[in-house]
Amino acid sequence: MGAGHTHKLYRHGVSRVHRLPAHVKLVAAFCFVLVVVATPREAVWAFGAYAVLLAAVVGAARVPPGFVLVRLVLEVPFVAFAVLLPFVAEGPRTEVLGLWLSESGLWGAWNVLAKGTIGVAASVLLAATTELRALLLGLQRLRMPALLVQIASFMVRYGDVIADELRRMRIARESRGFTARGPRHWGVLARTAGALFIRSYERGERVHLAMVSRGYTGTMPVADRAGTTAAQWSYAAALPLAALAVCLLGWSLV
């Protein structure tokens, strides 16, 4: 996999959560999100309990709460979708702040917002305590399809390279006096996108040839063979097991 690649979502730390193997954290986060999704939307209190559990993990990982809250902006598309549901959904309607909204739409919006927010927060916390390279190695340890792991690895490595290429092309356009001001400039932007695709494709071919010349046969070597202790699995399982208890209680009270 090569050297580590630090991303803006990662926050360096020395907590016990940081030291957990990546594949252990991936399994714990995945199970936690599954439990959250399986929770009945009517159990409003349960989602508050999930938020408290995540806050406890944030404290254990010594990640500033603001670091996680700011990165929840990733769920803006889900928020926009949820806001529209009460207006477009069918069924009985109720008055809220002078507006007649669909009851099923309100429940649907709450369902999307609550589960989406908690899921995104869990993902942000996972990324904040695990380096991207370690996440890829974790997927490798979990026997994910090798091709998918390689695609993700290349995306991580060359995403910034392509973004830098686009930045240089933008600077070149602006140095020649070009500024996109409306639809009449869309043609130039379309040609820029085409040129970027060609450059990226050519760079990919050069990278592939370089890898083949160094012995690449279509699979990446397993770079992490370190064992995992039962204590690490137990520590990571605390979050999904606690969430499962909340979920079961929520179903029993609905």
C-alpha atoms as a PDB file:
ATOM      1  CA  MET A   1       0.000   0.000   0.000  1.00  0.00           C
ATOM      2  CA  GLY A   2       2.934   2.276   0.398  1.00  0.00           C
ATOM      3  CA  ALA A   3       3.206   5.175   2.796  1.00  0.00           C
ATOM      4  CA  GLY A   4       0.347   6.499   4.841  1.00  0.00           C
ATOM      5  CA  HIS A   5      -1.942   9.120   3.436  1.00  0.00           C
ATOM      6  CA  THR A   6      -3.328  11.585   5.964  1.00  0.00           C
ATOM      7  CA  HIS A   7      -6.730  13.039   5.194  1.00  0.00           C
ATOM      8  CA  LYS A   8      -8.434  16.134   6.567  1.00  0.00           C
ATOM      9  CA  LEU A   9     -11.017  13.942   8.298  1.00  0.00           C
ATOM     10  CA  TYR A  10      -8.307  12.220  10.347  1.00  0.00           C
ATOM     11  CA  ARG A  11      -7.201  13.677  13.667  1.00  0.00           C
ATOM     12  CA  HIS A  12      -4.002  12.311  15.115  1.00  0.00           C
ATOM     13  CA  GLY A  13      -4.310  10.968  18.640  1.00  0.00           C
ATOM     14  CA  VAL A  14      -2.994   8.372  21.081  1.00  0.00           C
ATOM     15  CA  SER A  15      -6.251   7.186  22.622  1.00  0.00           C
ATOM     16  CA  ARG A  16      -7.296   3.578  23.000  1.00  0.00           C
ATOM     17  CA  VAL A  17      -9.808   4.087  20.198  1.00  0.00           C
ATOM     18  CA  HIS A  18      -7.015   5.228  17.869  1.00  0.00           C
ATOM     19  CA  ARG A  19      -4.968   2.145  18.729  1.00  0.00           C
ATOM     20  CA  LEU A  20      -7.718  -0.321  17.842  1.00  0.00           C
ATOM     21  CA  PRO A  21      -7.071  -2.217  14.579  1.00  0.00           C
ATOM     22  CA  ALA A  22      -8.886  -0.702  11.633  1.00  0.00           C
ATOM     23  CA  HIS A  23     -10.844  -3.850  10.756  1.00  0.00           C
ATOM     24  CA  VAL A  24     -12.138  -4.092  14.325  1.00  0.00           C
ATOM     25  CA  LYS A  25     -13.404  -0.503  14.189  1.00  0.00           C
ATOM     26  CA  LEU A  26     -14.956  -1.100  10.777  1.00  0.00           C
ATOM     27  CA  VAL A  27     -16.949  -4.063  12.064  1.00  0.00           C
ATOM     28  CA  ALA A  28     -18.034  -2.167  15.194  1.00  0.00           C
ATOM     29  CA  ALA A  29     -19.131   0.904  13.205  1.00  0.00           C
ATOM     30  CA  PHE A  30     -20.967  -1.226  10.634  1.00  0.00           C
ATOM     31  CA  CYS A  31     -22.855  -3.162  13.314  1.00  0.00           C
ATOM     32  CA  PHE A  32     -23.704   0.052  15.165  1.00  0.00           C
ATOM     33  CA  VAL A  33     -25.169   1.638  12.025  1.00  0.00           C
ATOM     34  CA  LEU A  34     -27.174  -1.524  11.279  1.00  0.00           C
ATOM     35  CA  VAL A  35     -28.686  -1.401  14.763  1.00  0.00           C
ATOM     36  CA  VAL A  36     -29.541   2.291  14.360  1.00  0.00           C
ATOM     37  CA  VAL A  37     -31.242   1.640  11.018  1.00  0.00           C
ATOM     38  CA  ALA A  38     -33.234  -1.241  12.553  1.00  0.00           C
ATOM     39  CA  THR A  39     -34.578   0.970  15.355  1.00  0.00           C
ATOM     40  CA  PRO A  40     -38.266   1.940  15.021  1.00  0.00           C
ATOM     41  CA  ARG A  41     -38.660   5.596  14.171  1.00  0.00           C
ATOM     42  CA  GLU A  42     -41.337   5.975  16.859  1.00  0.00           C
ATOM     43  CA  ALA A  43     -38.729   5.284  19.571  1.00  0.00           C
ATOM     44  CA  VAL A  44     -37.557   8.900  19.602  1.00  0.00           C
ATOM     45  CA  TRP A  45     -35.736   8.516  22.905  1.00  0.00           C
ATOM     46  CA  ALA A  46     -33.575   5.714  21.455  1.00  0.00           C
ATOM     47  CA  PHE A  47     -31.863   8.077  19.031  1.00  0.00           C
ATOM     48  CA  GLY A  48     -30.992  10.345  21.934  1.00  0.00           C
ATOM     49  CA  ALA A  49     -29.421   7.319  23.610  1.00  0.00           C
ATOM     50  CA  TYR A  50     -27.393   6.601  20.447  1.00  0.00           C
ATOM     51  CA  ALA A  51     -26.171  10.197  20.458  1.00  0.00           C
ATOM     52  CA  VAL A  52     -25.046   9.767  24.076  1.00  0.00           C
ATOM     53  CA  LEU A  53     -23.185   6.563  23.147  1.00  0.00           C
ATOM     54  CA  LEU A  54     -21.398   8.338  20.309  1.00  0.00           C
ATOM     55  CA  ALA A  55     -20.558  11.236  22.631  1.00  0.00           C
ATOM     56  CA  ALA A  56     -18.977   8.726  25.018  1.00  0.00           C
ATOM     57  CA  VAL A  57     -16.831   7.352  22.176  1.00  0.00           C
ATOM     58  CA  VAL A  58     -15.853  10.904  21.199  1.00  0.00           C
ATOM     59  CA  GLY A  59     -14.704  11.460  24.761  1.00  0.00           C
ATOM     60  CA  ALA A  60     -12.806   8.174  24.866  1.00  0.00           C
ATOM     61  CA  ALA A  61     -11.100   9.032  21.558  1.00  0.00           C
ATOM     62  CA  ARG A  62     -10.249  12.541  22.810  1.00  0.00           C
ATOM     63  CA  VAL A  63     -11.645  14.075  19.645  1.00  0.00           C
ATOM     64  CA  PRO A  64     -13.000  17.625  20.106  1.00  0.00           C
ATOM     65  CA  PRO A  65     -16.800  17.606  19.694  1.00  0.00           C
ATOM     66  CA  GLY A  66     -16.553  20.593  17.364  1.00  0.00           C
ATOM     67  CA  PHE A  67     -14.336  18.556  15.035  1.00  0.00           C
ATOM     68  CA  VAL A  68     -17.155  16.040  14.567  1.00  0.00           C
ATOM     69  CA  LEU A  69     -19.983  18.595  14.458  1.00  0.00           C
ATOM     70  CA  VAL A  70     -18.369  20.684  11.732  1.00  0.00           C
ATOM     71  CA  ARG A  71     -17.936  17.619   9.514  1.00  0.00           C
ATOM     72  CA  LEU A  72     -21.594  16.678   9.820  1.00  0.00           C
ATOM     73  CA  VAL A  73     -22.094  19.125   6.942  1.00  0.00           C
ATOM     74  CA  LEU A  74     -21.616  15.996   4.797  1.00  0.00           C
ATOM     75  CA  GLU A  75     -25.263  15.131   5.409  1.00  0.00           C
ATOM     76  CA  VAL A  76     -26.670  18.346   3.903  1.00  0.00           C
ATOM     77  CA  PRO A  77     -28.152  16.456   0.898  1.00  0.00           C
ATOM     78  CA  PHE A  78     -30.039  14.181   3.308  1.00  0.00           C
ATOM     79  CA  VAL A  79     -31.344  17.215   5.190  1.00  0.00           C
ATOM     80  CA  ALA A  80     -32.588  18.803   1.963  1.00  0.00           C
ATOM     81  CA  PHE A  81     -34.395  15.587   1.044  1.00  0.00           C
ATOM     82  CA  ALA A  82     -35.919  15.250   4.523  1.00  0.00           C
ATOM     83  CA  VAL A  83     -37.218  18.833   4.509  1.00  0.00           C
ATOM     84  CA  LEU A  84     -39.221  18.140   1.332  1.00  0.00           C
ATOM     85  CA  LEU A  85     -40.877  14.950   2.589  1.00  0.00           C
ATOM     86  CA  PRO A  86     -43.617  16.581   4.731  1.00  0.00           C
ATOM     87  CA  PHE A  87     -44.681  18.694   1.751  1.00  0.00           C
ATOM     88  CA  VAL A  88     -44.798  16.010  -0.940  1.00  0.00           C
ATOM     89  CA  ALA A  89     -45.845  12.881   0.990  1.00  0.00           C
ATOM     90  CA  GLU A  90     -49.477  11.762   0.898  1.00  0.00           C
ATOM     91  CA  GLY A  91     -51.821  10.788   3.709  1.00  0.00           C
ATOM     92  CA  PRO A  92     -53.420  12.584   6.665  1.00  0.00           C
ATOM     93  CA  ARG A  93     -52.109  16.074   7.338  1.00  0.00           C
ATOM     94  CA  THR A  94     -51.511  18.058  10.503  1.00  0.00           C
ATOM     95  CA  GLU A  95     -50.845  21.740  11.120  1.00  0.00           C
ATOM     96  CA  VAL A  96     -47.302  22.708  12.110  1.00  0.00           C
ATOM     97  CA  LEU A  97     -46.440  26.401  12.468  1.00  0.00           C
ATOM     98  CA  GLY A  98     -49.305  27.340  10.200  1.00  0.00           C
ATOM     99  CA  LEU A  99     -48.400  24.787   7.528  1.00  0.00           C
ATOM    100  CA  TRP A 100     -50.405  21.667   6.713  1.00  0.00           C
ATOM    101  CA  LEU A 101     -47.882  18.869   6.511  1.00  0.00           C
ATOM    102  CA  SER A 102     -48.182  15.153   5.888  1.00  0.00           C
ATOM    103  CA  GLU A 103     -47.980  13.079   9.053  1.00  0.00           C
ATOM    104  CA  SER A 104     -46.254  10.228   7.249  1.00  0.00           C
ATOM    105  CA  GLY A 105     -43.900  12.774   5.676  1.00  0.00           C
ATOM    106  CA  LEU A 106     -43.020  14.185   9.100  1.00  0.00           C
ATOM    107  CA  TRP A 107     -42.221  10.713  10.408  1.00  0.00           C
ATOM    108  CA  GLY A 108     -40.225   9.992   7.270  1.00  0.00           C
ATOM    109  CA  ALA A 109     -38.269  13.231   7.633  1.00  0.00           C
ATOM    110  CA  TRP A 110     -37.523  12.433  11.276  1.00  0.00           C
ATOM    111  CA  ASN A 111     -36.457   8.916  10.299  1.00  0.00           C
ATOM    112  CA  VAL A 112     -34.033  10.185   7.650  1.00  0.00           C
ATOM    113  CA  LEU A 113     -32.630  12.977   9.804  1.00  0.00           C
ATOM    114  CA  ALA A 114     -32.168  10.931  12.976  1.00  0.00           C
ATOM    115  CA  LYS A 115     -30.679   7.814  11.404  1.00  0.00           C
ATOM    116  CA  GLY A 116     -28.715   9.762   8.784  1.00  0.00           C
ATOM    117  CA  THR A 117     -27.174  12.106  11.342  1.00  0.00           C
ATOM    118  CA  ILE A 118     -26.150   9.294  13.678  1.00  0.00           C
ATOM    119  CA  GLY A 119     -24.768   7.236  10.792  1.00  0.00           C
ATOM    120  CA  VAL A 120     -22.757  10.146   9.405  1.00  0.00           C
ATOM    121  CA  ALA A 121     -21.475  10.984  12.898  1.00  0.00           C
ATOM    122  CA  ALA A 122     -20.314   7.379  13.357  1.00  0.00           C
ATOM    123  CA  SER A 123     -18.564   7.485   9.971  1.00  0.00           C
ATOM    124  CA  VAL A 124     -16.879  10.809  10.759  1.00  0.00           C
ATOM    125  CA  LEU A 125     -15.705   9.440  14.101  1.00  0.00           C
ATOM    126  CA  LEU A 126     -14.328   6.337  12.389  1.00  0.00           C
ATOM    127  CA  ALA A 127     -12.432   8.484   9.877  1.00  0.00           C
ATOM    128  CA  ALA A 128     -11.230  10.813  12.638  1.00  0.00           C
ATOM    129  CA  THR A 129      -9.586   7.958  14.551  1.00  0.00           C
ATOM    130  CA  THR A 130      -8.304   5.837  11.654  1.00  0.00           C
ATOM    131  CA  GLU A 131      -5.885   6.752   8.891  1.00  0.00           C
ATOM    132  CA  LEU A 132      -7.070   6.127   5.350  1.00  0.00           C
ATOM    133  CA  ARG A 133      -4.269   3.669   4.704  1.00  0.00           C
ATOM    134  CA  ALA A 134      -5.258   1.743   7.819  1.00  0.00           C
ATOM    135  CA  LEU A 135      -8.892   1.680   6.647  1.00  0.00           C
ATOM    136  CA  LEU A 136      -7.821   0.145   3.358  1.00  0.00           C
ATOM    137  CA  LEU A 137      -5.740  -2.441   5.181  1.00  0.00           C
ATOM    138  CA  GLY A 138      -8.738  -3.116   7.407  1.00  0.00           C
ATOM    139  CA  LEU A 139     -10.934  -3.792   4.387  1.00  0.00           C
ATOM    140  CA  GLN A 140      -8.209  -6.098   3.137  1.00  0.00           C
ATOM    141  CA  ARG A 141      -8.199  -7.976   6.461  1.00  0.00           C
ATOM    142  CA  LEU A 142     -11.992  -8.348   6.239  1.00  0.00           C
ATOM    143  CA  ARG A 143     -11.626 -10.145   2.886  1.00  0.00           C
ATOM    144  CA  MET A 144     -13.285  -7.432   0.857  1.00  0.00           C
ATOM    145  CA  PRO A 145     -12.965  -8.012  -2.926  1.00  0.00           C
ATOM    146  CA  ALA A 146      -9.367  -7.211  -3.821  1.00  0.00           C
ATOM    147  CA  LEU A 147     -10.412  -5.179  -6.866  1.00  0.00           C
ATOM    148  CA  LEU A 148     -12.620  -2.874  -4.780  1.00  0.00           C
ATOM    149  CA  VAL A 149      -9.831  -2.348  -2.249  1.00  0.00           C
ATOM    150  CA  GLN A 150      -7.395  -1.474  -5.031  1.00  0.00           C
ATOM    151  CA  ILE A 151      -9.838   0.970  -6.621  1.00  0.00           C
ATOM    152  CA  ALA A 152     -10.349   2.666  -3.258  1.00  0.00           C
ATOM    153  CA  SER A 153      -6.584   2.773  -2.713  1.00  0.00           C
ATOM    154  CA  PHE A 154      -5.942   4.428  -6.067  1.00  0.00           C
ATOM    155  CA  MET A 155      -8.814   6.860  -5.495  1.00  0.00           C
ATOM    156  CA  VAL A 156      -7.299   7.928  -2.166  1.00  0.00           C
ATOM    157  CA  ARG A 157      -3.829   8.289  -3.631  1.00  0.00           C
ATOM    158  CA  TYR A 158      -4.671  10.144  -6.824  1.00  0.00           C
ATOM    159  CA  GLY A 159      -7.742  12.138  -5.824  1.00  0.00           C
ATOM    160  CA  ASP A 160      -5.511  14.950  -4.576  1.00  0.00           C
ATOM    161  CA  VAL A 161      -3.303  14.656  -7.671  1.00  0.00           C
ATOM    162  CA  ILE A 162      -6.278  15.132  -9.996  1.00  0.00           C
ATOM    163  CA  ALA A 163      -7.602  17.986  -7.859  1.00  0.00           C
ATOM    164  CA  ASP A 164      -4.200  19.680  -8.102  1.00  0.00           C
ATOM    165  CA  GLU A 165      -4.233  19.185 -11.880  1.00  0.00           C
ATOM    166  CA  LEU A 166      -7.638  20.863 -12.050  1.00  0.00           C
ATOM    167  CA  ARG A 167      -6.358  23.721  -9.904  1.00  0.00           C
ATOM    168  CA  ARG A 168      -3.449  24.309 -12.304  1.00  0.00           C
ATOM    169  CA  MET A 169      -5.824  24.320 -15.264  1.00  0.00           C
ATOM    170  CA  ARG A 170      -8.041  26.865 -13.502  1.00  0.00           C
ATOM    171  CA  ILE A 171      -5.059  29.105 -12.792  1.00  0.00           C
ATOM    172  CA  ALA A 172      -3.995  28.841 -16.446  1.00  0.00           C
ATOM    173  CA  ARG A 173      -7.472  29.925 -17.593  1.00  0.00           C
ATOM    174  CA  GLU A 174      -7.620  32.832 -15.172  1.00  0.00           C
ATOM    175  CA  SER A 175      -4.101  33.989 -16.121  1.00  0.00           C
ATOM    176  CA  ARG A 176      -5.442  34.384 -19.668  1.00  0.00           C
ATOM    177  CA  GLY A 177      -8.330  36.515 -18.466  1.00  0.00           C
ATOM    178  CA  PHE A 178     -11.055  33.860 -18.442  1.00  0.00           C
ATOM    179  CA  THR A 179     -13.767  34.002 -15.786  1.00  0.00           C
ATOM    180  CA  ALA A 180     -16.900  31.869 -15.967  1.00  0.00           C
ATOM    181  CA  ARG A 181     -19.888  34.225 -15.677  1.00  0.00           C
ATOM    182  CA  GLY A 182     -22.767  32.340 -17.251  1.00  0.00           C
ATOM    183  CA  PRO A 183     -24.035  29.628 -19.611  1.00  0.00           C
ATOM    184  CA  ARG A 184     -22.060  31.052 -22.535  1.00  0.00           C
ATOM    185  CA  HIS A 185     -18.869  29.875 -20.794  1.00  0.00           C
ATOM    186  CA  TRP A 186     -20.102  26.330 -20.165  1.00  0.00           C
ATOM    187  CA  GLY A 187     -18.425  25.170 -23.383  1.00  0.00           C
ATOM    188  CA  VAL A 188     -15.017  26.163 -22.039  1.00  0.00           C
ATOM    189  CA  LEU A 189     -15.687  24.376 -18.763  1.00  0.00           C
ATOM    190  CA  ALA A 190     -16.839  21.277 -20.656  1.00  0.00           C
ATOM    191  CA  ARG A 191     -13.589  21.249 -22.666  1.00  0.00           C
ATOM    192  CA  THR A 192     -11.691  21.619 -19.405  1.00  0.00           C
ATOM    193  CA  ALA A 193     -13.464  18.574 -17.999  1.00  0.00           C
ATOM    194  CA  GLY A 194     -12.626  16.624 -21.156  1.00  0.00           C
ATOM    195  CA  ALA A 195      -8.967  17.633 -20.986  1.00  0.00           C
ATOM    196  CA  LEU A 196      -8.848  16.656 -17.319  1.00  0.00           C
ATOM    197  CA  PHE A 197     -10.310  13.231 -18.139  1.00  0.00           C
ATOM    198  CA  ILE A 198      -7.706  12.635 -20.856  1.00  0.00           C
ATOM    199  CA  ARG A 199      -4.836  13.731 -18.599  1.00  0.00           C
ATOM    200  CA  SER A 200      -6.115  11.523 -15.780  1.00  0.00           C
ATOM    201  CA  TYR A 201      -6.455   8.554 -18.134  1.00  0.00           C
ATOM    202  CA  GLU A 202      -2.926   9.048 -19.446  1.00  0.00           C
ATOM    203  CA  ARG A 203      -1.576   9.366 -15.907  1.00  0.00           C
ATOM    204  CA  GLY A 204      -3.371   6.160 -14.969  1.00  0.00           C
ATOM    205  CA  GLU A 205      -1.749   4.328 -17.887  1.00  0.00           C
ATOM    206  CA  ARG A 206       1.696   5.545 -16.843  1.00  0.00           C
ATOM    207  CA  VAL A 207       1.089   4.466 -13.251  1.00  0.00           C
ATOM    208  CA  HIS A 208      -0.104   1.041 -14.397  1.00  0.00           C
ATOM    209  CA  LEU A 209       2.973   0.537 -16.577  1.00  0.00           C
ATOM    210  CA  ALA A 210       5.210   1.565 -13.689  1.00  0.00           C
ATOM    211  CA  MET A 211       3.483  -0.942 -11.396  1.00  0.00           C
ATOM    212  CA  VAL A 212       3.720  -3.754 -13.948  1.00  0.00           C
ATOM    213  CA  SER A 213       7.425  -3.060 -14.408  1.00  0.00           C
ATOM    214  CA  ARG A 214       7.816  -3.532 -10.647  1.00  0.00           C
ATOM    215  CA  GLY A 215       6.076  -6.912 -10.574  1.00  0.00           C
ATOM    216  CA  TYR A 216       2.402  -6.012 -10.183  1.00  0.00           C
ATOM    217  CA  THR A 217       0.223  -8.986 -11.205  1.00  0.00           C
ATOM    218  CA  GLY A 218      -3.261  -7.672 -10.449  1.00  0.00           C
ATOM    219  CA  THR A 219      -3.332  -8.107  -6.669  1.00  0.00           C
ATOM    220  CA  MET A 220      -1.817  -6.089  -3.870  1.00  0.00           C
ATOM    221  CA  PRO A 221       0.265  -7.852  -1.192  1.00  0.00           C
ATOM    222  CA  VAL A 222      -1.270  -8.269   2.254  1.00  0.00           C
ATOM    223  CA  ALA A 223       0.732  -5.687   4.160  1.00  0.00           C
ATOM    224  CA  ASP A 224      -0.776  -6.134   7.623  1.00  0.00           C
ATOM    225  CA  ARG A 225      -0.690  -9.529   9.347  1.00  0.00           C
ATOM    226  CA  ALA A 226      -0.725  -8.352  12.958  1.00  0.00           C
ATOM    227  CA  GLY A 227      -3.010 -10.345  15.243  1.00  0.00           C
ATOM    228  CA  THR A 228      -6.036  -9.026  17.075  1.00  0.00           C
ATOM    229  CA  THR A 229      -6.674  -9.748  20.732  1.00  0.00           C
ATOM    230  CA  ALA A 230      -9.980 -10.678  22.338  1.00  0.00           C
ATOM    231  CA  ALA A 231      -9.689  -7.585  24.540  1.00  0.00           C
ATOM    232  CA  GLN A 232      -9.653  -5.355  21.446  1.00  0.00           C
ATOM    233  CA  TRP A 233     -12.761  -7.047  20.037  1.00  0.00           C
ATOM    234  CA  SER A 234     -14.497  -6.758  23.406  1.00  0.00           C
ATOM    235  CA  TYR A 235     -13.658  -3.076  23.721  1.00  0.00           C
ATOM    236  CA  ALA A 236     -14.924  -2.331  20.206  1.00  0.00           C
ATOM    237  CA  ALA A 237     -18.065  -4.429  20.710  1.00  0.00           C
ATOM    238  CA  ALA A 238     -19.190  -2.274  23.636  1.00  0.00           C
ATOM    239  CA  LEU A 239     -20.727   0.349  21.312  1.00  0.00           C
ATOM    240  CA  PRO A 240     -22.821  -1.932  19.037  1.00  0.00           C
ATOM    241  CA  LEU A 241     -23.899  -4.150  21.963  1.00  0.00           C
ATOM    242  CA  ALA A 242     -25.079  -1.144  23.966  1.00  0.00           C
ATOM    243  CA  ALA A 243     -26.901   0.127  20.869  1.00  0.00           C
ATOM    244  CA  LEU A 244     -28.488  -3.303  20.387  1.00  0.00           C
ATOM    245  CA  ALA A 245     -29.843  -3.203  23.933  1.00  0.00           C
ATOM    246  CA  VAL A 246     -31.376   0.224  23.236  1.00  0.00           C
ATOM    247  CA  CYS A 247     -32.870  -1.037  19.962  1.00  0.00           C
ATOM    248  CA  LEU A 248     -34.473  -4.077  21.575  1.00  0.00           C
ATOM    249  CA  LEU A 249     -35.905  -1.921  24.343  1.00  0.00           C
ATOM    250  CA  GLY A 250     -37.226   0.482  21.745  1.00  0.00           C
ATOM    251  CA  TRP A 251     -39.060  -2.314  19.916  1.00  0.00           C
ATOM    252  CA  SER A 252     -40.523  -3.614  23.172  1.00  0.00           C
ATOM    253  CA  LEU A 253     -41.936  -0.193  24.086  1.00  0.00           C
ATOM    254  CA  VAL A 254     -43.410   0.691  20.683  1.00  0.00           C
END
